[in-house]
Amino acid sequence: MTLSTLGSFIGGIGFFLLGMLLITEGLKIAAGNTLRSILERSTATPLRGIFSGALITSLVQSSSAVTVATIGFVNAGLMNLMQAITITYGSNIGTTMTGWLVSLVGFQFDIKSFALPLIGFGMFLRLAKGNSRYGALGETLAGFGVFFTGIDLLKTTFTTTGIDMPVAMLGSGVGSHLAFLALGFLLTVVMQSSSAAIAITLTAAAGGFVPFDSGASLVIGANIGSTSTAALAALGATPNAKRVATAHVIFNVVTGGVALLLLPFLLQALITFPLLLDVQTNSTMLLAMFHSVFNILGVCLMWPFTRSMAKLLKGWFRSHEENEARPLYLDKNIAATPVLAFHALAKEIERIGIIARRMAKGAMSSEGGPSLQLEADRQILLKLEIEVGNFINLIRRGNLPEELDHVLPNALRVTSYYREVADVSLRIAQMQQQSRPVDNTELAQEISLYKQHVVKLLDVADVAKEDYEAEECADLFKETEEMYRHLKSSLLKAGTKDLLPVGLMVSLIDLMSDVRRIADQIEKAARYLTTLTRATPDKKEPVSTETAS
């Protein structure tokens, strides 16, 4: 291999990759929100999702860009995992368009006659229109010109000068196919572009450097190697990103494996079919056709298992929030056994209490508004509340002893108390974000002591603790009531004496009232929760002079 030949080979790949980059970036800008709208609206059914994925990938010439966009939609809740998987299927079909471009245009026409004018006109449009949509369209046209220039360089390298790479060393038979598959995989991983690997394969096959069947193995390897981009992007990413990336890997590996097993039959069919139709073909067209056919066959093969795969992937990758939102103790198999059912119910509601108290503490210490953790905790709590309600319905279908019938309403009452704590906590965080600091030292200290007292009550109201005492909890709440009344009086006096702006006084009274509301709901929740943790036939509902609310 001469230095000139090596330079032409590397330059051809460089031109090709640069052209792909310009095409992808230009089309993404030129299309504006059109591609986004297609993704949003065209996934109502799995079949439409596949067509959308194929269409968009064909347009932007980048399955990686489509995969990343799909992951973003799933994370934003605009698309579910099933829809994302179908987009991935379609993306694999759409990426085969590169092979057709190379075979139908790169080898059928005089490339320089249209590639160079495309570059010139495209760059003129890019410079004249700047960053506008027309400028992006010019960048796309220039990208196509660079793309085909790279193809021309590769074609010249393989057909005229040749490359002295010892292809024969890769052997023959099954070993040869596996070796070429590995080579296609490595080319794609190194260049991070399956399109580049396939372009090299097609030009090498056209120049007689790679046999037709070996070129097919290279295409399979490149197709599998395209998963590396998604796999690398998913490292340390969200569970949704990992699910979509894994679905991409599963599809390509399974499809590639089946294509390799059926390789002799597929190649024979592809050679025979055009002859029956009396259609002229060449090795590049047959390889492009092979790339499309085995991806379409892969979709047909994976289609019946897609829902099962989506369900499996949801179990494989879970975020902390998703794990915490799953019940730990509720099992439908024990719903018919009251003793076990009430114990499980109590333990699950205790978990809800932990989340509610965590939210309350976080809200009172927050000055920057509701945090992401507060929002996430509220969603977890709401999901667990629904699960508790479903479990209670299961218990009611069994033979529940009459003396325990009062306990189930208490369970629902406790979960409603905790939900109220969650809602009020969010409101407190919002109010503290909008509230101005208190300049009066004594008033600021009284507010701080009041909050600290409520935090102490939150700790004492943990029914799961061995030293929990309902009387101690009730006494602390009475003290909280006294502190609230005194603090409210102090705020009113400060407002009337012009020591505090009236607007700030009103907002602080509302804020302290919400803090008092948390204390009230937490104390009631703990009191009624004990009817579950200590539920036996001879235990009755705790007597209270307060009206449950």
Protein backbone atom coordinates (compact mmCIF):
# COMPACT_ATOMS: atom_id res chain seq x y z
CA MET A 1 0.00 0.00 0.00
CA THR A 2 1.54 3.33 -1.08
CA LEU A 3 1.35 6.53 0.91
CA SER A 4 -0.79 8.10 -1.80
CA THR A 5 -3.25 5.19 -1.70
CA LEU A 6 -3.50 5.38 2.08
CA GLY A 7 -4.06 9.11 1.87
CA SER A 8 -6.86 8.67 -0.66
CA PHE A 9 -8.48 6.01 1.51
CA ILE A 10 -8.36 8.12 4.67
CA GLY A 11 -9.41 11.24 2.78
CA GLY A 12 -12.38 9.43 1.25
CA ILE A 13 -13.57 8.34 4.68
CA GLY A 14 -13.01 11.86 6.00
CA PHE A 15 -15.02 13.44 3.17
CA PHE A 16 -17.76 10.89 3.70
CA LEU A 17 -18.00 11.49 7.48
CA LEU A 18 -17.88 15.28 7.00
CA GLY A 19 -20.65 15.06 4.41
CA MET A 20 -22.80 12.94 6.76
CA LEU A 21 -22.27 15.48 9.55
CA LEU A 22 -23.27 18.42 7.33
CA ILE A 23 -26.34 16.58 6.03
CA THR A 24 -27.53 15.61 9.50
CA GLU A 25 -26.98 19.00 11.13
CA GLY A 26 -28.36 20.92 8.17
CA LEU A 27 -31.53 18.86 7.89
CA LYS A 28 -32.20 19.03 11.63
CA ILE A 29 -32.16 22.84 11.44
CA ALA A 30 -33.89 23.13 8.05
CA ALA A 31 -36.73 20.87 9.11
CA GLY A 32 -37.31 22.93 12.25
CA ASN A 33 -40.02 21.37 14.39
CA THR A 34 -41.33 19.23 11.52
CA LEU A 35 -39.36 16.15 12.53
CA ARG A 36 -40.34 16.68 16.16
CA SER A 37 -44.01 16.91 15.14
CA ILE A 38 -43.73 13.68 13.14
CA LEU A 39 -42.28 11.91 16.15
CA GLU A 40 -44.99 13.26 18.45
CA ARG A 41 -47.98 12.56 16.21
CA SER A 42 -46.99 9.51 14.22
CA THR A 43 -46.56 6.92 16.95
CA ALA A 44 -50.23 6.31 17.74
CA THR A 45 -49.84 2.71 16.54
CA PRO A 46 -46.69 0.52 16.42
CA LEU A 47 -46.85 0.36 12.62
CA ARG A 48 -46.97 4.14 12.30
CA GLY A 49 -44.06 4.35 14.73
CA ILE A 50 -41.97 2.09 12.48
CA PHE A 51 -42.82 4.13 9.38
CA SER A 52 -42.04 7.38 11.23
CA GLY A 53 -38.67 6.09 12.43
CA ALA A 54 -37.77 4.92 8.92
CA LEU A 55 -38.87 8.19 7.31
CA ILE A 56 -37.09 10.50 9.74
CA THR A 57 -33.85 8.48 9.68
CA SER A 58 -33.93 8.48 5.88
CA LEU A 59 -34.25 12.27 5.93
CA VAL A 60 -31.60 13.15 8.51
CA GLN A 61 -29.29 10.24 7.58
CA SER A 62 -28.52 9.51 11.23
CA SER A 63 -30.12 6.78 13.28
CA SER A 64 -28.16 8.04 16.32
CA ALA A 65 -29.84 11.47 16.10
CA VAL A 66 -33.26 9.86 15.89
CA THR A 67 -32.49 7.53 18.81
CA VAL A 68 -31.33 10.43 21.02
CA ALA A 69 -34.46 12.43 20.15
CA THR A 70 -36.63 9.40 20.92
CA ILE A 71 -35.00 8.99 24.33
CA GLY A 72 -35.72 12.66 25.03
CA PHE A 73 -39.42 12.18 24.21
CA VAL A 74 -39.65 9.13 26.49
CA ASN A 75 -38.01 11.02 29.37
CA ALA A 76 -40.40 13.94 28.85
CA GLY A 77 -43.40 11.60 29.02
CA LEU A 78 -44.44 12.42 25.42
CA MET A 79 -43.81 8.86 24.26
CA ASN A 80 -43.99 5.53 26.04
CA LEU A 81 -41.37 2.80 25.82
CA MET A 82 -43.38 0.73 23.34
CA GLN A 83 -43.57 3.68 20.95
CA ALA A 84 -39.85 4.37 21.36
CA ILE A 85 -39.00 0.76 20.49
CA THR A 86 -41.04 0.92 17.29
CA ILE A 87 -39.24 4.15 16.34
CA THR A 88 -35.96 2.26 16.86
CA TYR A 89 -37.15 -0.53 14.57
CA GLY A 90 -38.01 1.99 11.87
CA SER A 91 -34.71 3.80 12.38
CA ASN A 92 -32.82 0.61 11.52
CA ILE A 93 -34.77 0.36 8.28
CA GLY A 94 -34.28 4.07 7.50
CA THR A 95 -30.52 3.90 7.95
CA THR A 96 -30.32 1.48 5.00
CA MET A 97 -31.08 4.47 2.74
CA THR A 98 -27.37 5.35 2.82
CA GLY A 99 -26.55 2.09 1.03
CA TRP A 100 -29.12 2.87 -1.66
CA LEU A 101 -27.70 6.39 -2.13
CA VAL A 102 -24.22 4.96 -2.59
CA SER A 103 -25.27 2.18 -4.96
CA LEU A 104 -27.81 4.07 -7.09
CA VAL A 105 -26.09 7.46 -7.30
CA GLY A 106 -22.44 6.89 -6.44
CA PHE A 107 -21.91 4.17 -9.02
CA GLN A 108 -24.40 5.06 -11.73
CA PHE A 109 -23.43 8.67 -12.52
CA ASP A 110 -20.37 10.82 -13.00
CA ILE A 111 -20.09 12.02 -9.40
CA LYS A 112 -17.95 15.08 -10.06
CA SER A 113 -20.51 16.43 -12.54
CA PHE A 114 -23.01 17.09 -9.75
CA ALA A 115 -21.06 16.78 -6.45
CA LEU A 116 -18.87 19.83 -6.95
CA PRO A 117 -21.76 22.10 -8.09
CA LEU A 118 -23.73 20.94 -5.04
CA ILE A 119 -20.88 21.99 -2.76
CA GLY A 120 -20.53 25.38 -4.47
CA PHE A 121 -24.25 26.19 -4.58
CA GLY A 122 -24.84 24.86 -1.07
CA MET A 123 -22.07 26.93 0.51
CA PHE A 124 -23.18 30.04 -1.42
CA LEU A 125 -26.68 29.56 0.05
CA ARG A 126 -25.19 28.95 3.51
CA LEU A 127 -23.12 32.16 3.40
CA ALA A 128 -25.93 34.24 1.90
CA LYS A 129 -28.70 33.10 4.27
CA GLY A 130 -26.63 32.56 7.42
CA ASN A 131 -28.24 30.51 10.17
CA SER A 132 -31.72 30.64 8.67
CA ARG A 133 -33.64 27.61 7.42
CA TYR A 134 -32.45 28.28 3.86
CA GLY A 135 -28.88 28.54 5.11
CA ALA A 136 -29.27 25.14 6.78
CA LEU A 137 -30.67 23.76 3.53
CA GLY A 138 -27.57 25.05 1.74
CA GLU A 139 -25.41 23.29 4.32
CA THR A 140 -27.33 20.08 3.59
CA LEU A 141 -26.75 20.40 -0.15
CA ALA A 142 -23.05 21.01 0.42
CA GLY A 143 -23.06 17.97 2.70
CA PHE A 144 -24.43 15.80 -0.08
CA GLY A 145 -21.72 17.11 -2.40
CA VAL A 146 -18.97 16.30 0.13
CA PHE A 147 -20.63 12.93 0.80
CA PHE A 148 -20.48 11.89 -2.87
CA THR A 149 -16.97 13.29 -3.26
CA GLY A 150 -15.89 10.93 -0.50
CA ILE A 151 -17.61 8.07 -2.31
CA ASP A 152 -15.74 8.99 -5.49
CA LEU A 153 -12.40 8.98 -3.66
CA LEU A 154 -13.11 5.59 -2.08
CA LYS A 155 -14.26 4.17 -5.42
CA THR A 156 -11.09 5.41 -7.14
CA THR A 157 -8.95 3.97 -4.35
CA PHE A 158 -10.47 0.51 -4.64
CA THR A 159 -10.86 0.28 -8.41
CA THR A 160 -7.68 1.89 -9.76
CA THR A 161 -4.85 1.87 -7.25
CA GLY A 162 -6.15 -1.00 -5.09
CA ILE A 163 -5.28 -1.72 -1.48
CA ASP A 164 -2.88 -4.50 -0.59
CA MET A 165 -4.77 -5.57 2.51
CA PRO A 166 -4.42 -9.36 2.83
CA VAL A 167 -8.10 -10.25 2.58
CA ALA A 168 -7.19 -13.88 2.05
CA MET A 169 -5.87 -14.00 5.62
CA LEU A 170 -9.46 -13.76 6.82
CA GLY A 171 -9.96 -17.33 5.58
CA SER A 172 -13.01 -18.90 4.04
CA GLY A 173 -16.22 -20.55 5.10
CA VAL A 174 -17.90 -19.81 8.45
CA GLY A 175 -14.68 -18.45 9.92
CA SER A 176 -14.38 -15.97 7.09
CA HIS A 177 -17.93 -14.68 7.59
CA LEU A 178 -17.36 -14.25 11.32
CA ALA A 179 -14.09 -12.43 10.63
CA PHE A 180 -15.74 -10.02 8.17
CA LEU A 181 -18.63 -9.50 10.61
CA ALA A 182 -16.12 -8.56 13.32
CA LEU A 183 -14.36 -6.23 10.87
CA GLY A 184 -17.64 -4.48 10.03
CA PHE A 185 -18.40 -4.12 13.73
CA LEU A 186 -14.96 -2.64 14.48
CA LEU A 187 -15.15 -0.21 11.55
CA THR A 188 -18.48 1.12 12.84
CA VAL A 189 -17.27 1.41 16.45
CA VAL A 190 -14.07 3.22 15.43
CA MET A 191 -15.82 5.68 13.08
CA GLN A 192 -19.06 5.82 15.14
CA SER A 193 -20.97 5.60 11.87
CA SER A 194 -22.50 2.46 10.38
CA SER A 195 -23.17 4.48 7.22
CA ALA A 196 -19.44 5.06 6.77
CA ALA A 197 -18.69 1.36 7.29
CA ILE A 198 -21.35 0.38 4.75
CA ALA A 199 -20.09 2.94 2.23
CA ILE A 200 -16.59 1.44 2.53
CA THR A 201 -18.08 -2.04 2.13
CA LEU A 202 -20.02 -1.12 -1.01
CA THR A 203 -17.09 0.62 -2.67
CA ALA A 204 -14.77 -2.27 -1.75
CA ALA A 205 -17.26 -4.76 -3.21
CA ALA A 206 -17.65 -2.66 -6.38
CA GLY A 207 -13.88 -2.63 -6.84
CA GLY A 208 -13.68 -6.41 -6.46
CA PHE A 209 -11.68 -6.06 -3.26
CA VAL A 210 -14.31 -7.84 -1.10
CA PRO A 211 -16.34 -10.84 -2.35
CA PHE A 212 -20.11 -10.39 -2.44
CA ASP A 213 -20.87 -12.83 0.40
CA SER A 214 -18.09 -11.37 2.56
CA GLY A 215 -19.49 -7.90 1.91
CA ALA A 216 -22.83 -9.13 3.27
CA SER A 217 -21.08 -10.23 6.49
CA LEU A 218 -19.46 -6.79 6.71
CA VAL A 219 -22.89 -5.17 6.39
CA ILE A 220 -24.24 -7.36 9.22
CA GLY A 221 -21.27 -6.39 11.40
CA ALA A 222 -21.77 -2.70 10.65
CA ASN A 223 -25.45 -3.01 11.50
CA ILE A 224 -24.63 -4.56 14.90
CA GLY A 225 -21.85 -2.02 15.47
CA SER A 226 -24.33 0.85 15.11
CA THR A 227 -25.60 -0.02 18.60
CA SER A 228 -22.32 1.19 20.12
CA THR A 229 -23.36 4.85 19.84
CA ALA A 230 -26.62 4.26 21.71
CA ALA A 231 -24.88 2.04 24.26
CA LEU A 232 -22.23 4.68 24.99
CA ALA A 233 -24.87 7.42 25.20
CA ALA A 234 -26.83 5.37 27.76
CA LEU A 235 -23.89 4.95 30.18
CA GLY A 236 -24.83 6.76 33.37
CA ALA A 237 -28.05 7.98 31.75
CA THR A 238 -31.65 7.71 32.90
CA PRO A 239 -33.46 4.35 33.06
CA ASN A 240 -35.49 5.32 29.99
CA ALA A 241 -32.31 5.95 28.01
CA LYS A 242 -30.95 2.57 29.06
CA ARG A 243 -34.20 0.84 28.10
CA VAL A 244 -34.28 2.34 24.61
CA ALA A 245 -30.56 1.67 24.07
CA THR A 246 -30.95 -1.93 25.24
CA ALA A 247 -33.93 -2.45 22.92
CA HIS A 248 -31.75 -1.13 20.08
CA VAL A 249 -28.94 -3.57 20.98
CA ILE A 250 -31.32 -6.55 21.30
CA PHE A 251 -32.95 -5.82 17.95
CA ASN A 252 -29.68 -5.41 16.04
CA VAL A 253 -27.95 -8.41 17.63
CA VAL A 254 -30.91 -10.73 17.10
CA THR A 255 -31.46 -9.45 13.56
CA GLY A 256 -27.76 -9.78 12.73
CA GLY A 257 -27.60 -13.29 14.19
CA VAL A 258 -30.58 -14.47 12.17
CA ALA A 259 -29.23 -12.82 9.00
CA LEU A 260 -25.89 -14.61 9.48
CA LEU A 261 -27.60 -17.98 9.96
CA LEU A 262 -29.75 -17.47 6.86
CA LEU A 263 -26.99 -15.80 4.84
CA PRO A 264 -26.67 -18.41 2.03
CA PHE A 265 -30.45 -18.53 1.50
CA LEU A 266 -30.87 -14.73 1.59
CA LEU A 267 -28.03 -14.13 -0.87
CA GLN A 268 -29.32 -16.78 -3.25
CA ALA A 269 -32.81 -15.29 -3.12
CA LEU A 270 -31.46 -11.79 -3.77
CA ILE A 271 -29.48 -12.99 -6.79
CA THR A 272 -32.34 -15.08 -8.20
CA PHE A 273 -35.19 -12.63 -7.74
CA PRO A 274 -33.84 -9.84 -10.06
CA LEU A 275 -33.03 -12.50 -12.71
CA LEU A 276 -36.64 -13.68 -12.65
CA LEU A 277 -37.78 -10.09 -13.18
CA ASP A 278 -35.08 -9.52 -15.81
CA VAL A 279 -33.67 -6.57 -13.80
CA GLN A 280 -30.01 -5.63 -14.14
CA THR A 281 -28.17 -5.45 -10.80
CA ASN A 282 -24.63 -5.25 -9.48
CA SER A 283 -22.92 -6.14 -6.22
CA THR A 284 -23.51 -2.72 -4.61
CA MET A 285 -27.24 -2.78 -5.35
CA LEU A 286 -27.52 -6.36 -4.06
CA LEU A 287 -25.71 -5.44 -0.83
CA ALA A 288 -27.96 -2.40 -0.33
CA MET A 289 -30.95 -4.63 -0.94
CA PHE A 290 -29.57 -7.21 1.50
CA HIS A 291 -29.17 -4.51 4.18
CA SER A 292 -32.80 -3.44 3.78
CA VAL A 293 -34.22 -6.97 3.53
CA PHE A 294 -32.64 -8.38 6.68
CA ASN A 295 -33.66 -5.31 8.71
CA ILE A 296 -37.25 -5.64 7.51
CA LEU A 297 -37.14 -9.37 8.31
CA GLY A 298 -35.77 -8.44 11.73
CA VAL A 299 -38.77 -6.19 12.39
CA CYS A 300 -41.13 -9.02 11.36
CA LEU A 301 -39.24 -11.41 13.64
CA MET A 302 -39.18 -9.12 16.71
CA TRP A 303 -42.70 -7.71 16.28
CA PRO A 304 -44.55 -10.46 18.23
CA PHE A 305 -42.14 -10.13 21.17
CA THR A 306 -42.03 -6.33 21.40
CA ARG A 307 -44.56 -5.91 24.21
CA SER A 308 -42.90 -8.64 26.26
CA MET A 309 -39.51 -7.00 25.69
CA ALA A 310 -40.84 -3.59 26.77
CA LYS A 311 -42.25 -5.12 29.96
CA LEU A 312 -38.95 -6.89 30.64
CA LEU A 313 -36.91 -3.73 30.09
CA LYS A 314 -39.08 -1.80 32.55
CA GLY A 315 -38.08 -4.33 35.19
CA TRP A 316 -34.39 -4.31 34.30
CA PHE A 317 -33.72 -0.62 34.62
CA ARG A 318 -35.44 1.30 37.36
CA SER A 319 -34.67 4.69 38.89
CA HIS A 320 -34.62 5.23 42.64
CA GLU A 321 -37.99 6.98 42.41
CA GLU A 322 -39.53 4.12 40.44
CA ASN A 323 -38.21 1.57 42.94
CA GLU A 324 -39.49 3.56 45.89
CA ALA A 325 -42.92 3.88 44.25
CA ARG A 326 -43.27 0.09 44.15
CA PRO A 327 -45.00 -1.47 47.17
CA LEU A 328 -42.65 -3.54 49.30
CA TYR A 329 -45.19 -5.34 51.48
CA LEU A 330 -48.48 -5.52 49.58
CA ASP A 331 -49.02 -8.99 48.15
CA LYS A 332 -52.39 -10.10 46.79
CA ASN A 333 -51.69 -13.63 48.03
CA ILE A 334 -52.00 -12.53 51.67
CA ALA A 335 -55.03 -10.28 51.18
CA ALA A 336 -57.37 -13.08 52.27
CA THR A 337 -55.54 -13.53 55.61
CA PRO A 338 -56.51 -10.56 57.85
CA VAL A 339 -53.60 -10.79 60.30
CA LEU A 340 -51.00 -10.83 57.53
CA ALA A 341 -52.91 -8.34 55.37
CA PHE A 342 -53.18 -5.71 58.12
CA HIS A 343 -49.53 -6.10 59.02
CA ALA A 344 -48.49 -5.60 55.37
CA LEU A 345 -50.88 -2.67 55.01
CA ALA A 346 -49.47 -0.99 58.11
CA LYS A 347 -45.88 -1.43 56.94
CA GLU A 348 -46.67 0.08 53.52
CA ILE A 349 -48.47 3.07 55.04
CA GLU A 350 -45.49 3.56 57.36
CA ARG A 351 -43.39 3.92 54.19
CA ILE A 352 -45.81 6.58 52.94
CA GLY A 353 -45.39 8.33 56.29
CA ILE A 354 -41.61 8.37 55.91
CA ILE A 355 -41.97 10.08 52.53
CA ALA A 356 -44.52 12.59 53.87
CA ARG A 357 -42.30 13.54 56.84
CA ARG A 358 -39.31 13.81 54.51
CA MET A 359 -41.26 16.21 52.31
CA ALA A 360 -42.35 18.31 55.27
CA LYS A 361 -38.80 18.69 56.58
CA GLY A 362 -37.51 19.48 53.09
CA ALA A 363 -40.19 22.11 52.54
CA MET A 364 -39.56 23.95 55.81
CA SER A 365 -35.82 24.11 55.14
CA SER A 366 -36.24 25.15 51.50
CA GLU A 367 -35.79 28.78 50.50
CA GLY A 368 -35.48 28.27 46.73
CA GLY A 369 -38.93 26.90 46.00
CA PRO A 370 -40.08 23.33 45.41
CA SER A 371 -37.09 21.13 44.61
CA LEU A 372 -37.04 18.27 42.13
CA GLN A 373 -36.88 15.91 45.11
CA LEU A 374 -40.08 17.35 46.54
CA GLU A 375 -41.89 16.88 43.25
CA ALA A 376 -40.54 13.34 42.88
CA ASP A 377 -41.52 12.43 46.45
CA ARG A 378 -45.07 13.63 45.87
CA GLN A 379 -45.41 11.43 42.78
CA ILE A 380 -44.06 8.44 44.73
CA LEU A 381 -46.52 9.08 47.55
CA LEU A 382 -49.48 9.35 45.18
CA LYS A 383 -48.58 6.08 43.45
CA LEU A 384 -48.24 4.26 46.77
CA GLU A 385 -51.58 5.68 47.90
CA ILE A 386 -53.23 4.15 44.83
CA GLU A 387 -51.59 0.79 45.55
CA VAL A 388 -52.83 0.90 49.14
CA GLY A 389 -56.36 1.63 47.93
CA ASN A 390 -56.23 -1.33 45.52
CA PHE A 391 -54.97 -3.62 48.30
CA ILE A 392 -57.77 -2.51 50.62
CA ASN A 393 -60.29 -3.45 47.93
CA LEU A 394 -58.73 -6.92 47.80
CA ILE A 395 -59.03 -7.29 51.58
CA ARG A 396 -62.69 -6.30 51.48
CA ARG A 397 -63.45 -9.12 49.05
CA GLY A 398 -62.34 -11.68 51.65
CA ASN A 399 -63.96 -12.74 54.90
CA LEU A 400 -63.07 -9.78 57.09
CA PRO A 401 -63.95 -10.18 60.82
CA GLU A 402 -66.59 -7.67 61.88
CA GLU A 403 -64.45 -6.39 64.74
CA LEU A 404 -61.76 -5.35 62.24
CA ASP A 405 -64.09 -3.64 59.82
CA HIS A 406 -63.34 -0.21 61.29
CA VAL A 407 -59.62 -0.53 60.57
CA LEU A 408 -59.83 -0.23 56.79
CA PRO A 409 -61.43 3.24 56.81
CA ASN A 410 -58.64 4.29 59.17
CA ALA A 411 -56.07 3.11 56.62
CA LEU A 412 -57.61 5.31 53.95
CA ARG A 413 -57.86 8.17 56.45
CA VAL A 414 -54.14 7.92 57.25
CA THR A 415 -53.10 7.92 53.59
CA SER A 416 -55.27 10.99 53.00
CA TYR A 417 -53.54 12.74 55.94
CA TYR A 418 -50.14 11.97 54.44
CA ARG A 419 -51.27 13.15 51.01
CA GLU A 420 -52.38 16.42 52.61
CA VAL A 421 -48.92 16.75 54.18
CA ALA A 422 -47.37 16.30 50.72
CA ASP A 423 -49.63 18.94 49.14
CA VAL A 424 -49.07 21.43 51.96
CA SER A 425 -45.31 20.84 51.82
CA LEU A 426 -45.22 21.88 48.18
CA ARG A 427 -47.28 24.96 49.02
CA ILE A 428 -44.92 25.88 51.86
CA ALA A 429 -41.88 25.60 49.58
CA GLN A 430 -43.56 27.90 47.05
CA MET A 431 -44.54 30.44 49.73
CA GLN A 432 -41.05 30.51 51.24
CA GLN A 433 -39.60 31.17 47.79
CA GLN A 434 -41.84 34.22 47.39
CA SER A 435 -41.54 35.45 51.00
CA ARG A 436 -39.11 38.18 52.02
CA PRO A 437 -36.74 37.70 55.01
CA VAL A 438 -37.90 39.02 58.40
CA ASP A 439 -35.74 41.88 59.67
CA ASN A 440 -37.12 41.80 63.23
CA THR A 441 -34.69 39.57 65.17
CA GLU A 442 -37.11 38.46 67.89
CA LEU A 443 -39.82 37.61 65.35
CA ALA A 444 -37.35 35.69 63.15
CA GLN A 445 -36.18 33.71 66.19
CA GLU A 446 -39.75 32.85 67.20
CA ILE A 447 -40.50 31.61 63.66
CA SER A 448 -37.34 29.48 63.71
CA LEU A 449 -38.20 27.93 67.12
CA TYR A 450 -41.73 27.19 65.91
CA LYS A 451 -40.42 25.33 62.85
CA GLN A 452 -37.90 23.42 64.94
CA HIS A 453 -40.69 22.30 67.25
CA VAL A 454 -42.71 21.00 64.28
CA VAL A 455 -39.64 19.13 63.01
CA LYS A 456 -39.35 17.51 66.45
CA LEU A 457 -42.99 16.48 66.23
CA LEU A 458 -42.30 14.94 62.80
CA ASP A 459 -39.59 12.77 64.36
CA VAL A 460 -41.69 11.74 67.35
CA ALA A 461 -44.68 10.86 65.11
CA ASP A 462 -42.84 7.91 63.56
CA VAL A 463 -45.03 4.95 64.53
CA ALA A 464 -42.37 2.49 63.34
CA LYS A 465 -40.05 3.52 66.20
CA GLU A 466 -40.09 1.28 69.25
CA ASP A 467 -40.25 4.28 71.59
CA TYR A 468 -43.25 5.84 69.84
CA GLU A 469 -45.82 7.12 72.36
CA ALA A 470 -49.16 8.50 71.22
CA GLU A 471 -49.40 10.61 74.41
CA GLU A 472 -46.01 12.24 73.78
CA CYS A 473 -47.03 12.97 70.21
CA ALA A 474 -50.33 14.51 71.35
CA ASP A 475 -48.58 16.66 73.98
CA LEU A 476 -46.10 17.98 71.40
CA PHE A 477 -48.96 18.89 69.10
CA LYS A 478 -50.69 20.81 71.91
CA GLU A 479 -47.47 22.73 72.46
CA THR A 480 -47.33 23.39 68.71
CA GLU A 481 -50.86 24.84 68.87
CA GLU A 482 -49.85 27.14 71.71
CA MET A 483 -46.73 28.27 69.84
CA TYR A 484 -48.78 28.91 66.69
CA ARG A 485 -51.32 31.06 68.54
CA HIS A 486 -48.55 33.08 70.19
CA LEU A 487 -46.65 33.47 66.90
CA LYS A 488 -49.78 34.56 65.08
CA SER A 489 -50.42 37.17 67.78
CA SER A 490 -46.82 38.39 67.48
CA LEU A 491 -47.15 38.73 63.70
CA LEU A 492 -50.41 40.69 64.02
CA LYS A 493 -48.87 43.04 66.59
CA ALA A 494 -45.81 43.57 64.41
CA GLY A 495 -48.09 44.42 61.49
CA THR A 496 -50.25 46.88 63.44
CA LYS A 497 -47.18 48.58 64.96
CA ASP A 498 -45.64 48.96 61.48
CA LEU A 499 -42.71 46.72 62.47
CA LEU A 500 -43.62 44.42 59.59
CA PRO A 501 -45.11 45.26 56.17
CA VAL A 502 -48.76 44.25 56.07
CA GLY A 503 -48.30 42.14 52.95
CA LEU A 504 -45.42 40.22 54.53
CA MET A 505 -47.42 39.80 57.74
CA VAL A 506 -50.34 38.21 55.87
CA SER A 507 -48.07 35.87 53.90
CA LEU A 508 -46.21 34.81 57.06
CA ILE A 509 -49.47 34.07 58.88
CA ASP A 510 -50.57 31.92 55.95
CA LEU A 511 -47.20 30.18 55.93
CA MET A 512 -47.25 29.46 59.69
CA SER A 513 -50.84 28.23 59.35
CA ASP A 514 -49.68 25.70 56.76
CA VAL A 515 -46.84 24.59 59.04
CA ARG A 516 -49.42 24.09 61.78
CA ARG A 517 -51.54 22.13 59.29
CA ILE A 518 -48.65 19.73 58.72
CA ALA A 519 -48.29 19.18 62.47
CA ASP A 520 -52.03 18.51 62.76
CA GLN A 521 -52.13 15.99 59.89
CA ILE A 522 -48.97 14.20 61.02
CA GLU A 523 -50.25 13.76 64.60
CA LYS A 524 -53.62 12.43 63.40
CA ALA A 525 -51.96 10.08 60.92
CA ALA A 526 -49.76 8.60 63.64
CA ARG A 527 -52.70 8.16 66.00
CA TYR A 528 -54.90 6.36 63.49
CA LEU A 529 -52.03 4.33 62.08
CA THR A 530 -51.68 2.57 65.43
CA THR A 531 -55.08 0.92 64.77
CA LEU A 532 -53.38 -0.98 61.96
CA THR A 533 -50.06 -1.72 63.65
CA ARG A 534 -51.90 -3.05 66.71
CA ALA A 535 -54.98 -4.43 64.93
CA THR A 536 -56.44 -7.42 66.82
CA PRO A 537 -60.06 -8.49 67.36
CA ASP A 538 -60.15 -6.88 70.81
CA LYS A 539 -58.59 -3.56 69.77
CA LYS A 540 -60.90 -0.67 68.98
CA GLU A 541 -60.48 2.63 67.24
CA PRO A 542 -58.68 5.23 69.37
CA VAL A 543 -60.96 7.63 71.11
CA SER A 544 -60.49 11.23 70.05
CA THR A 545 -62.32 14.40 70.86
CA GLU A 546 -61.14 15.91 67.53
CA THR A 547 -63.03 15.57 64.29
CA ALA A 548 -61.04 13.68 61.69
CA SER A 549 -60.47 15.78 58.60
